[in-house]
C-alpha cells in the first residue's frame, strides 16, 4: 500500500521537476503555459494519490476543482497569448520586455 503511494509521489516529483525546468529554460509563452499545466497536474496527482489512501479526505473532489481552475487558467493564458501575438507578431518572452512600466 505505501509502495504505491511512493510510486505516485515519485511520478509527481518528476512532473514537478519537468514543469519547473520548462518554466526556467523556455522563452516561448506557449511552452511556459504547458509547463504550468504540468506543475498543476503534478499537484493533482498528489491530491488524488493521498486522497486514495486517506479515508474521508475528499481528494478526488479537490482535484476536480483544481482541474476546473486549471482550465480557467488556460483560457486566460491563451487570451493573453492572442493579444500579445497581435501586438508583437510572435510569442517570444524576450520581446515583451517593453511592457515593463
PDB file of N, CA and C in Angstrom:
ATOM      1  N   UNK A   1       0.822  -1.192   0.000  1.00  0.00           N
ATOM      2  CA  UNK A   1       0.000   0.000   0.000  1.00  0.00           C
ATOM      3  C   UNK A   1       0.862   1.251   0.000  1.00  0.00           C
ATOM      4  N   UNK A   2       1.850   1.333   0.846  1.00  0.00           N
ATOM      5  CA  UNK A   2       2.672   2.530   0.878  1.00  0.00           C
ATOM      6  C   UNK A   2       3.618   2.594  -0.309  1.00  0.00           C
ATOM      7  N   UNK A   3       3.967   1.438  -0.891  1.00  0.00           N
ATOM      8  CA  UNK A   3       4.836   1.495  -2.064  1.00  0.00           C
ATOM      9  C   UNK A   3       4.095   2.137  -3.239  1.00  0.00           C
ATOM     10  N   UNK A   4       2.780   1.935  -3.327  1.00  0.00           N
ATOM     11  CA  UNK A   4       2.006   2.610  -4.369  1.00  0.00           C
ATOM     12  C   UNK A   4       2.005   4.116  -4.148  1.00  0.00           C
ATOM     13  N   UNK A   5       1.892   4.512  -2.903  1.00  0.00           N
ATOM     14  CA  UNK A   5       1.913   5.944  -2.596  1.00  0.00           C
ATOM     15  C   UNK A   5       3.266   6.552  -2.935  1.00  0.00           C
ATOM     16  N   UNK A   6       4.332   5.810  -2.666  1.00  0.00           N
ATOM     17  CA  UNK A   6       5.674   6.283  -3.018  1.00  0.00           C
ATOM     18  C   UNK A   6       5.813   6.392  -4.532  1.00  0.00           C
ATOM     19  N   UNK A   7       5.263   5.435  -5.258  1.00  0.00           N
ATOM     20  CA  UNK A   7       5.314   5.491  -6.724  1.00  0.00           C
ATOM     21  C   UNK A   7       4.587   6.721  -7.262  1.00  0.00           C
ATOM     22  N   UNK A   8       3.388   6.977  -6.733  1.00  0.00           N
ATOM     23  CA  UNK A   8       2.647   8.168  -7.149  1.00  0.00           C
ATOM     24  C   UNK A   8       3.425   9.444  -6.834  1.00  0.00           C
ATOM     25  N   UNK A   9       4.035   9.473  -5.664  1.00  0.00           N
ATOM     26  CA  UNK A   9       4.784  10.662  -5.258  1.00  0.00           C
ATOM     27  C   UNK A   9       6.020  10.861  -6.129  1.00  0.00           C
ATOM     28  N   UNK A  10       6.690   9.782  -6.479  1.00  0.00           N
ATOM     29  CA  UNK A  10       7.867   9.910  -7.354  1.00  0.00           C
ATOM     30  C   UNK A  10       7.486  10.422  -8.742  1.00  0.00           C
ATOM     31  N   UNK A  11       6.383   9.930  -9.281  1.00  0.00           N
ATOM     32  CA  UNK A  11       5.921  10.432 -10.582  1.00  0.00           C
ATOM     33  C   UNK A  11       5.545  11.906 -10.465  1.00  0.00           C
ATOM     34  N   UNK A  12       4.925  12.270  -9.371  1.00  0.00           N
ATOM     35  CA  UNK A  12       4.542  13.664  -9.157  1.00  0.00           C
ATOM     36  C   UNK A  12       5.774  14.568  -9.042  1.00  0.00           C
ATOM     37  N   UNK A  13       6.796  14.098  -8.348  1.00  0.00           N
ATOM     38  CA  UNK A  13       8.040  14.868  -8.231  1.00  0.00           C
ATOM     39  C   UNK A  13       8.708  15.015  -9.594  1.00  0.00           C
ATOM     40  N   UNK A  14       8.669  13.953 -10.402  1.00  0.00           N
ATOM     41  CA  UNK A  14       9.238  14.035 -11.743  1.00  0.00           C
ATOM     42  C   UNK A  14       8.480  15.061 -12.594  1.00  0.00           C
ATOM     43  N   UNK A  15       7.153  15.042 -12.517  1.00  0.00           N
ATOM     44  CA  UNK A  15       6.363  16.029 -13.261  1.00  0.00           C
ATOM     45  C   UNK A  15       6.645  17.445 -12.772  1.00  0.00           C
ATOM     46  N   UNK A  16       6.792  17.602 -11.472  1.00  0.00           N
ATOM     47  CA  UNK A  16       7.102  18.924 -10.929  1.00  0.00           C
ATOM     48  C   UNK A  16       8.454  19.411 -11.431  1.00  0.00           C
ATOM     49  N   UNK A  17       9.442  18.527 -11.443  1.00  0.00           N
ATOM     50  CA  UNK A  17      10.765  18.904 -11.942  1.00  0.00           C
ATOM     51  C   UNK A  17      10.741  19.289 -13.410  1.00  0.00           C
ATOM     52  N   UNK A  18      10.002  18.523 -14.213  1.00  0.00           N
ATOM     53  CA  UNK A  18       9.887  18.843 -15.638  1.00  0.00           C
ATOM     54  C   UNK A  18       9.202  20.198 -15.825  1.00  0.00           C
ATOM     55  N   UNK A  19       8.167  20.462 -15.036  1.00  0.00           N
ATOM     56  CA  UNK A  19       7.467  21.739 -15.133  1.00  0.00           C
ATOM     57  C   UNK A  19       8.336  22.919 -14.724  1.00  0.00           C
ATOM     58  N   UNK A  20       9.083  22.765 -13.651  1.00  0.00           N
ATOM     59  CA  UNK A  20       9.967  23.851 -13.212  1.00  0.00           C
ATOM     60  C   UNK A  20      11.074  24.081 -14.233  1.00  0.00           C
ATOM     61  N   UNK A  21      11.608  22.995 -14.794  1.00  0.00           N
ATOM     62  CA  UNK A  21      12.605  23.137 -15.854  1.00  0.00           C
ATOM     63  C   UNK A  21      12.020  23.894 -17.051  1.00  0.00           C
ATOM     64  N   UNK A  22      10.797  23.554 -17.414  1.00  0.00           N
ATOM     65  CA  UNK A  22      10.152  24.240 -18.533  1.00  0.00           C
ATOM     66  C   UNK A  22       9.947  25.717 -18.274  1.00  0.00           C
ATOM     67  N   UNK A  23       9.623  26.072 -17.041  1.00  0.00           N
ATOM     68  CA  UNK A  23       9.461  27.491 -16.720  1.00  0.00           C
ATOM     69  C   UNK A  23      10.792  28.227 -16.703  1.00  0.00           C
ATOM     70  N   UNK A  24      11.838  27.568 -16.237  1.00  0.00           N
ATOM     71  CA  UNK A  24      13.128  28.237 -16.094  1.00  0.00           C
ATOM     72  C   UNK A  24      13.868  28.395 -17.414  1.00  0.00           C
ATOM     73  N   UNK A  25      13.707  27.448 -18.327  1.00  0.00           N
ATOM     74  CA  UNK A  25      14.536  27.427 -19.532  1.00  0.00           C
ATOM     75  C   UNK A  25      13.814  27.983 -20.760  1.00  0.00           C
ATOM     76  N   UNK A  26      12.566  27.652 -20.933  1.00  0.00           N
ATOM     77  CA  UNK A  26      11.866  28.011 -22.172  1.00  0.00           C
ATOM     78  C   UNK A  26      11.508  29.498 -22.165  1.00  0.00           C
ATOM     79  N   UNK A  27      11.580  30.100 -23.355  1.00  0.00           N
ATOM     80  CA  UNK A  27      11.245  31.515 -23.505  1.00  0.00           C
ATOM     81  C   UNK A  27      10.031  31.725 -24.399  1.00  0.00           C
ATOM     82  N   UNK A  28       9.348  30.656 -24.734  1.00  0.00           N
ATOM     83  CA  UNK A  28       8.141  30.755 -25.531  1.00  0.00           C
ATOM     84  C   UNK A  28       6.944  30.723 -24.577  1.00  0.00           C
ATOM     85  N   UNK A  29       6.014  31.636 -24.763  1.00  0.00           N
ATOM     86  CA  UNK A  29       4.900  31.765 -23.826  1.00  0.00           C
ATOM     87  C   UNK A  29       4.020  30.518 -23.813  1.00  0.00           C
ATOM     88  N   UNK A  30       3.840  29.904 -24.964  1.00  0.00           N
ATOM     89  CA  UNK A  30       3.003  28.705 -25.031  1.00  0.00           C
ATOM     90  C   UNK A  30       3.672  27.544 -24.306  1.00  0.00           C
ATOM     91  N   UNK A  31       4.978  27.394 -24.469  1.00  0.00           N
ATOM     92  CA  UNK A  31       5.697  26.337 -23.745  1.00  0.00           C
ATOM     93  C   UNK A  31       5.679  26.587 -22.240  1.00  0.00           C
ATOM     94  N   UNK A  32       5.754  27.830 -21.843  1.00  0.00           N
ATOM     95  CA  UNK A  32       5.679  28.141 -20.418  1.00  0.00           C
ATOM     96  C   UNK A  32       4.290  27.822 -19.866  1.00  0.00           C
ATOM     97  N   UNK A  33       3.264  28.047 -20.662  1.00  0.00           N
ATOM     98  CA  UNK A  33       1.905  27.695 -20.246  1.00  0.00           C
ATOM     99  C   UNK A  33       1.765  26.182 -20.084  1.00  0.00           C
ATOM    100  N   UNK A  34       2.371  25.425 -20.989  1.00  0.00           N
ATOM    101  CA  UNK A  34       2.368  23.964 -20.860  1.00  0.00           C
ATOM    102  C   UNK A  34       3.111  23.534 -19.598  1.00  0.00           C
ATOM    103  N   UNK A  35       4.213  24.215 -19.274  1.00  0.00           N
ATOM    104  CA  UNK A  35       4.975  23.872 -18.073  1.00  0.00           C
ATOM    105  C   UNK A  35       4.140  24.111 -16.817  1.00  0.00           C
ATOM    106  N   UNK A  36       3.370  25.187 -16.798  1.00  0.00           N
ATOM    107  CA  UNK A  36       2.487  25.446 -15.659  1.00  0.00           C
ATOM    108  C   UNK A  36       1.430  24.355 -15.557  1.00  0.00           C
ATOM    109  N   UNK A  37       0.927  23.905 -16.691  1.00  0.00           N
ATOM    110  CA  UNK A  37      -0.056  22.821 -16.679  1.00  0.00           C
ATOM    111  C   UNK A  37       0.542  21.517 -16.148  1.00  0.00           C
ATOM    112  N   UNK A  38       1.790  21.248 -16.471  1.00  0.00           N
ATOM    113  CA  UNK A  38       2.445  20.050 -15.945  1.00  0.00           C
ATOM    114  C   UNK A  38       2.590  20.153 -14.434  1.00  0.00           C
ATOM    115  N   UNK A  39       2.910  21.330 -13.923  1.00  0.00           N
ATOM    116  CA  UNK A  39       3.020  21.524 -12.478  1.00  0.00           C
ATOM    117  C   UNK A  39       1.659  21.319 -11.805  1.00  0.00           C
ATOM    118  N   UNK A  40       0.612  21.830 -12.421  1.00  0.00           N
ATOM    119  CA  UNK A  40      -0.733  21.646 -11.861  1.00  0.00           C
ATOM    120  C   UNK A  40      -1.117  20.167 -11.879  1.00  0.00           C
ATOM    121  N   UNK A  41      -0.746  19.453 -12.943  1.00  0.00           N
ATOM    122  CA  UNK A  41      -1.026  18.014 -12.994  1.00  0.00           C
ATOM    123  C   UNK A  41      -0.256  17.248 -11.927  1.00  0.00           C
ATOM    124  N   UNK A  42       0.960  17.683 -11.615  1.00  0.00           N
ATOM    125  CA  UNK A  42       1.711  17.047 -10.530  1.00  0.00           C
ATOM    126  C   UNK A  42       0.993  17.236  -9.198  1.00  0.00           C
ATOM    127  N   UNK A  43       0.468  18.427  -8.976  1.00  0.00           N
ATOM    128  CA  UNK A  43      -0.282  18.672  -7.745  1.00  0.00           C
ATOM    129  C   UNK A  43      -1.564  17.842  -7.705  1.00  0.00           C
ATOM    130  N   UNK A  44      -2.257  17.737  -8.832  1.00  0.00           N
ATOM    131  CA  UNK A  44      -3.475  16.921  -8.884  1.00  0.00           C
ATOM    132  C   UNK A  44      -3.175  15.453  -8.615  1.00  0.00           C
ATOM    133  N   UNK A  45      -2.069  14.963  -9.146  1.00  0.00           N
ATOM    134  CA  UNK A  45      -1.695  13.573  -8.894  1.00  0.00           C
ATOM    135  C   UNK A  45      -1.446  13.335  -7.409  1.00  0.00           C
ATOM    136  N   UNK A  46      -0.781  14.269  -6.758  1.00  0.00           N
ATOM    137  CA  UNK A  46      -0.572  14.141  -5.313  1.00  0.00           C
ATOM    138  C   UNK A  46      -1.886  14.172  -4.550  1.00  0.00           C
ATOM    139  N   UNK A  47      -2.772  15.066  -4.932  1.00  0.00           N
ATOM    140  CA  UNK A  47      -4.053  15.180  -4.231  1.00  0.00           C
ATOM    141  C   UNK A  47      -4.849  13.883  -4.357  1.00  0.00           C
ATOM    142  N   UNK A  48      -4.915  13.339  -5.560  1.00  0.00           N
ATOM    143  CA  UNK A  48      -5.680  12.107  -5.764  1.00  0.00           C
ATOM    144  C   UNK A  48      -4.999  10.922  -5.077  1.00  0.00           C
ATOM    145  N   UNK A  49      -3.678  10.855  -5.130  1.00  0.00           N
ATOM    146  CA  UNK A  49      -2.964   9.735  -4.512  1.00  0.00           C
ATOM    147  C   UNK A  49      -3.159   9.731  -3.001  1.00  0.00           C
ATOM    148  N   UNK A  50      -3.010  10.882  -2.365  1.00  0.00           N
ATOM    149  CA  UNK A  50      -3.203  10.922  -0.917  1.00  0.00           C
ATOM    150  C   UNK A  50      -4.676  10.769  -0.554  1.00  0.00           C
ATOM    151  N   UNK A  51      -5.564  11.219  -1.423  1.00  0.00           N
ATOM    152  CA  UNK A  51      -6.990  11.025  -1.184  1.00  0.00           C
ATOM    153  C   UNK A  51      -7.396   9.570  -1.264  1.00  0.00           C
ATOM    154  N   UNK A  52      -6.662   8.794  -2.049  1.00  0.00           N
ATOM    155  CA  UNK A  52      -6.959   7.372  -2.161  1.00  0.00           C
ATOM    156  C   UNK A  52      -6.581   6.616  -0.887  1.00  0.00           C
ATOM    157  N   UNK A  53      -5.511   7.041  -0.243  1.00  0.00           N
ATOM    158  CA  UNK A  53      -5.016   6.320   0.919  1.00  0.00           C
ATOM    159  C   UNK A  53      -5.492   6.898   2.244  1.00  0.00           C
ATOM    160  N   UNK A  54      -6.039   8.083   2.249  1.00  0.00           N
ATOM    161  CA  UNK A  54      -6.564   8.667   3.479  1.00  0.00           C
ATOM    162  C   UNK A  54      -8.088   8.623   3.430  1.00  0.00           C
ATOM    163  N   UNK A  55      -8.723   8.040   4.408  1.00  0.00           N
ATOM    164  CA  UNK A  55     -10.187   7.954   4.375  1.00  0.00           C
ATOM    165  C   UNK A  55     -10.839   9.320   4.611  1.00  0.00           C
ATOM    166  N   UNK A  56     -11.903   9.567   3.891  1.00  0.00           N
ATOM    167  CA  UNK A  56     -12.727  10.775   4.057  1.00  0.00           C
ATOM    168  C   UNK A  56     -11.931  12.062   3.832  1.00  0.00           C
ATOM    169  N   UNK A  57     -10.993  12.055   2.902  1.00  0.00           N
ATOM    170  CA  UNK A  57     -10.214  13.276   2.673  1.00  0.00           C
ATOM    171  C   UNK A  57     -10.783  14.131   1.551  1.00  0.00           C
ATOM    172  N   UNK A  58     -11.583  13.544   0.674  1.00  0.00           N
ATOM    173  CA  UNK A  58     -12.152  14.317  -0.432  1.00  0.00           C
ATOM    174  C   UNK A  58     -11.119  14.710  -1.462  1.00  0.00           C
ATOM    175  N   UNK A  59     -10.096  13.879  -1.641  1.00  0.00           N
ATOM    176  CA  UNK A  59      -9.015  14.212  -2.563  1.00  0.00           C
ATOM    177  C   UNK A  59      -9.471  14.318  -3.999  1.00  0.00           C
ATOM    178  N   UNK A  60     -10.380  13.447  -4.420  1.00  0.00           N
ATOM    179  CA  UNK A  60     -10.841  13.490  -5.807  1.00  0.00           C
ATOM    180  C   UNK A  60     -11.694  14.727  -6.065  1.00  0.00           C
ATOM    181  N   UNK A  61     -12.460  15.146  -5.079  1.00  0.00           N
ATOM    182  CA  UNK A  61     -13.255  16.366  -5.232  1.00  0.00           C
ATOM    183  C   UNK A  61     -12.357  17.582  -5.343  1.00  0.00           C
ATOM    184  N   UNK A  62     -11.323  17.629  -4.507  1.00  0.00           N
ATOM    185  CA  UNK A  62     -10.387  18.757  -4.583  1.00  0.00           C
ATOM    186  C   UNK A  62      -9.645  18.756  -5.915  1.00  0.00           C
ATOM    187  N   UNK A  63      -9.289  17.582  -6.415  1.00  0.00           N
ATOM    188  CA  UNK A  63      -8.615  17.503  -7.711  1.00  0.00           C
ATOM    189  C   UNK A  63      -9.540  17.970  -8.828  1.00  0.00           C
ATOM    190  N   UNK A  64     -10.825  17.657  -8.738  1.00  0.00           N
ATOM    191  CA  UNK A  64     -11.782  18.103  -9.742  1.00  0.00           C
ATOM    192  C   UNK A  64     -11.880  19.627  -9.761  1.00  0.00           C
ATOM    193  N   UNK A  65     -11.914  20.241  -8.585  1.00  0.00           N
ATOM    194  CA  UNK A  65     -11.919  21.708  -8.526  1.00  0.00           C
ATOM    195  C   UNK A  65     -10.613  22.280  -9.069  1.00  0.00           C
ATOM    196  N   UNK A  66      -9.522  21.621  -8.796  1.00  0.00           N
ATOM    197  CA  UNK A  66      -8.226  22.085  -9.298  1.00  0.00           C
ATOM    198  C   UNK A  66      -8.169  22.005 -10.822  1.00  0.00           C
ATOM    199  N   UNK A  67      -8.743  20.961 -11.389  1.00  0.00           N
ATOM    200  CA  UNK A  67      -8.787  20.837 -12.850  1.00  0.00           C
ATOM    201  C   UNK A  67      -9.648  21.943 -13.454  1.00  0.00           C
ATOM    202  N   UNK A  68     -10.749  22.274 -12.807  1.00  0.00           N
ATOM    203  CA  UNK A  68     -11.603  23.364 -13.301  1.00  0.00           C
ATOM    204  C   UNK A  68     -10.867  24.697 -13.248  1.00  0.00           C
ATOM    205  N   UNK A  69     -10.129  24.934 -12.180  1.00  0.00           N
ATOM    206  CA  UNK A  69      -9.355  26.173 -12.070  1.00  0.00           C
ATOM    207  C   UNK A  69      -8.244  26.196 -13.121  1.00  0.00           C
ATOM    208  N   UNK A  70      -7.625  25.050 -13.380  1.00  0.00           N
ATOM    209  CA  UNK A  70      -6.578  24.981 -14.400  1.00  0.00           C
ATOM    210  C   UNK A  70      -7.147  25.267 -15.790  1.00  0.00           C
ATOM    211  N   UNK A  71      -8.372  24.815 -16.041  1.00  0.00           N
ATOM    212  CA  UNK A  71      -9.000  25.102 -17.337  1.00  0.00           C
ATOM    213  C   UNK A  71      -9.256  26.600 -17.491  1.00  0.00           C
ATOM    214  N   UNK A  72      -9.682  27.247 -16.424  1.00  0.00           N
ATOM    215  CA  UNK A  72      -9.877  28.698 -16.475  1.00  0.00           C
ATOM    216  C   UNK A  72      -8.539  29.413 -16.670  1.00  0.00           C
ATOM    217  N   UNK A  73      -7.493  28.902 -16.045  1.00  0.00           N
ATOM    218  CA  UNK A  73      -6.164  29.498 -16.189  1.00  0.00           C
ATOM    219  C   UNK A  73      -5.678  29.374 -17.630  1.00  0.00           C
ATOM    220  N   UNK A  74      -5.956  28.269 -18.274  1.00  0.00           N
ATOM    221  CA  UNK A  74      -5.565  28.088 -19.666  1.00  0.00           C
ATOM    222  C   UNK A  74      -6.321  29.061 -20.557  1.00  0.00           C
ATOM    223  N   UNK A  75      -7.590  29.277 -20.287  1.00  0.00           N
ATOM    224  CA  UNK A  75      -8.374  30.221 -21.090  1.00  0.00           C
ATOM    225  C   UNK A  75      -7.808  31.632 -20.978  1.00  0.00           C
ATOM    226  N   UNK A  76      -7.460  32.036 -19.777  1.00  0.00           N
ATOM    227  CA  UNK A  76      -6.876  33.369 -19.587  1.00  0.00           C
ATOM    228  C   UNK A  76      -5.502  33.444 -20.242  1.00  0.00           C
ATOM    229  N   UNK A  77      -4.697  32.397 -20.072  1.00  0.00           N
ATOM    230  CA  UNK A  77      -3.365  32.385 -20.673  1.00  0.00           C
ATOM    231  C   UNK A  77      -3.410  32.433 -22.186  1.00  0.00           C
ATOM    232  N   UNK A  78      -4.314  31.680 -22.785  1.00  0.00           N
ATOM    233  CA  UNK A  78      -4.427  31.707 -24.243  1.00  0.00           C
ATOM    234  C   UNK A  78      -4.927  33.053 -24.749  1.00  0.00           C
ATOM    235  N   UNK A  79      -5.808  33.697 -24.002  1.00  0.00           N
ATOM    236  CA  UNK A  79      -6.245  35.031 -24.419  1.00  0.00           C
ATOM    237  C   UNK A  79      -5.092  36.026 -24.341  1.00  0.00           C
ATOM    238  N   UNK A  80      -4.236  35.895 -23.330  1.00  0.00           N
ATOM    239  CA  UNK A  80      -3.058  36.759 -23.257  1.00  0.00           C
ATOM    240  C   UNK A  80      -2.096  36.490 -24.414  1.00  0.00           C
ATOM    241  N   UNK A  81      -1.966  35.224 -24.792  1.00  0.00           N
ATOM    242  CA  UNK A  81      -1.108  34.887 -25.929  1.00  0.00           C
ATOM    243  C   UNK A  81      -1.647  35.506 -27.208  1.00  0.00           C
ATOM    244  N   UNK A  82      -2.945  35.462 -27.401  1.00  0.00           N
ATOM    245  CA  UNK A  82      -3.546  36.042 -28.608  1.00  0.00           C
ATOM    246  C   UNK A  82      -3.326  37.544 -28.662  1.00  0.00           C
ATOM    247  N   UNK A  83      -3.521  38.226 -27.545  1.00  0.00           N
ATOM    248  CA  UNK A  83      -3.306  39.678 -27.507  1.00  0.00           C
ATOM    249  C   UNK A  83      -1.837  40.011 -27.750  1.00  0.00           C
ATOM    250  N   UNK A  84      -0.932  39.262 -27.133  1.00  0.00           N
ATOM    251  CA  UNK A  84       0.492  39.519 -27.324  1.00  0.00           C
ATOM    252  C   UNK A  84       0.905  39.241 -28.771  1.00  0.00           C
ATOM    253  N   UNK A  85       0.346  38.215 -29.375  1.00  0.00           N
ATOM    254  CA  UNK A  85       0.685  37.913 -30.763  1.00  0.00           C
ATOM    255  C   UNK A  85       0.184  39.013 -31.697  1.00  0.00           C
ATOM    256  N   UNK A  86      -0.975  39.556 -31.398  1.00  0.00           N
ATOM    257  CA  UNK A  86      -1.493  40.652 -32.233  1.00  0.00           C
ATOM    258  C   UNK A  86      -0.621  41.896 -32.108  1.00  0.00           C
ATOM    259  N   UNK A  87      -0.040  42.111 -30.917  1.00  0.00           N
ATOM    260  CA  UNK A  87       0.797  43.297 -30.727  1.00  0.00           C
ATOM    261  C   UNK A  87       2.195  43.125 -31.304  1.00  0.00           C
ATOM    262  N   UNK A  88       2.814  41.947 -31.098  1.00  0.00           N
ATOM    263  CA  UNK A  88       4.225  41.748 -31.432  1.00  0.00           C
ATOM    264  C   UNK A  88       4.476  40.787 -32.587  1.00  0.00           C
ATOM    265  N   UNK A  89       3.472  40.090 -33.077  1.00  0.00           N
ATOM    266  CA  UNK A  89       3.570  39.125 -34.168  1.00  0.00           C
ATOM    267  C   UNK A  89       4.434  37.908 -33.824  1.00  0.00           C
ATOM    268  N   UNK A  90       4.707  37.664 -32.560  1.00  0.00           N
ATOM    269  CA  UNK A  90       5.331  36.428 -32.086  1.00  0.00           C
ATOM    270  C   UNK A  90       5.016  36.270 -30.596  1.00  0.00           C
ATOM    271  N   UNK A  91       5.375  35.117 -30.051  1.00  0.00           N
ATOM    272  CA  UNK A  91       5.075  34.852 -28.648  1.00  0.00           C
ATOM    273  C   UNK A  91       6.348  34.586 -27.850  1.00  0.00           C
ATOM    274  N   UNK A  92       7.439  35.265 -28.220  1.00  0.00           N
ATOM    275  CA  UNK A  92       8.704  35.127 -27.509  1.00  0.00           C
ATOM    276  C   UNK A  92       8.698  36.074 -26.309  1.00  0.00           C
ATOM    277  N   UNK A  93       9.051  35.545 -25.154  1.00  0.00           N
ATOM    278  CA  UNK A  93       9.001  36.332 -23.919  1.00  0.00           C
ATOM    279  C   UNK A  93       9.994  37.490 -23.949  1.00  0.00           C
ATOM    280  N   UNK A  94      11.117  37.337 -24.625  1.00  0.00           N
ATOM    281  CA  UNK A  94      12.135  38.388 -24.664  1.00  0.00           C
ATOM    282  C   UNK A  94      11.601  39.665 -25.317  1.00  0.00           C
ATOM    283  N   UNK A  95      10.655  39.537 -26.229  1.00  0.00           N
ATOM    284  CA  UNK A  95      10.106  40.717 -26.892  1.00  0.00           C
ATOM    285  C   UNK A  95       9.093  41.461 -26.035  1.00  0.00           C
ATOM    286  N   UNK A  96       8.669  40.869 -24.937  1.00  0.00           N
ATOM    287  CA  UNK A  96       7.676  41.514 -24.082  1.00  0.00           C
ATOM    288  C   UNK A  96       8.321  42.412 -23.025  1.00  0.00           C
ATOM    289  N   UNK A  97       9.597  42.634 -23.104  1.00  0.00           N
ATOM    290  CA  UNK A  97      10.286  43.476 -22.116  1.00  0.00           C
ATOM    291  C   UNK A  97       9.788  44.916 -22.152  1.00  0.00           C
ATOM    292  N   UNK A  98       9.261  45.338 -23.285  1.00  0.00           N
ATOM    293  CA  UNK A  98       8.789  46.714 -23.406  1.00  0.00           C
ATOM    294  C   UNK A  98       7.498  46.943 -22.628  1.00  0.00           C
ATOM    295  N   UNK A  99       6.898  45.901 -22.084  1.00  0.00           N
ATOM    296  CA  UNK A  99       5.680  46.054 -21.296  1.00  0.00           C
ATOM    297  C   UNK A  99       5.962  46.507 -19.873  1.00  0.00           C
ATOM    298  N   UNK A 100       7.258  46.543 -19.474  1.00  0.00           N
ATOM    299  CA  UNK A 100       7.603  46.991 -18.123  1.00  0.00           C
ATOM    300  C   UNK A 100       7.224  48.453 -17.958  1.00  0.00           C
ATOM    301  N   UNK A 101       6.759  48.799 -16.760  1.00  0.00           N
ATOM    302  CA  UNK A 101       6.302  50.156 -16.510  1.00  0.00           C
ATOM    303  C   UNK A 101       7.304  51.053 -15.887  1.00  0.00           C
TER     304      UNK A 101
END
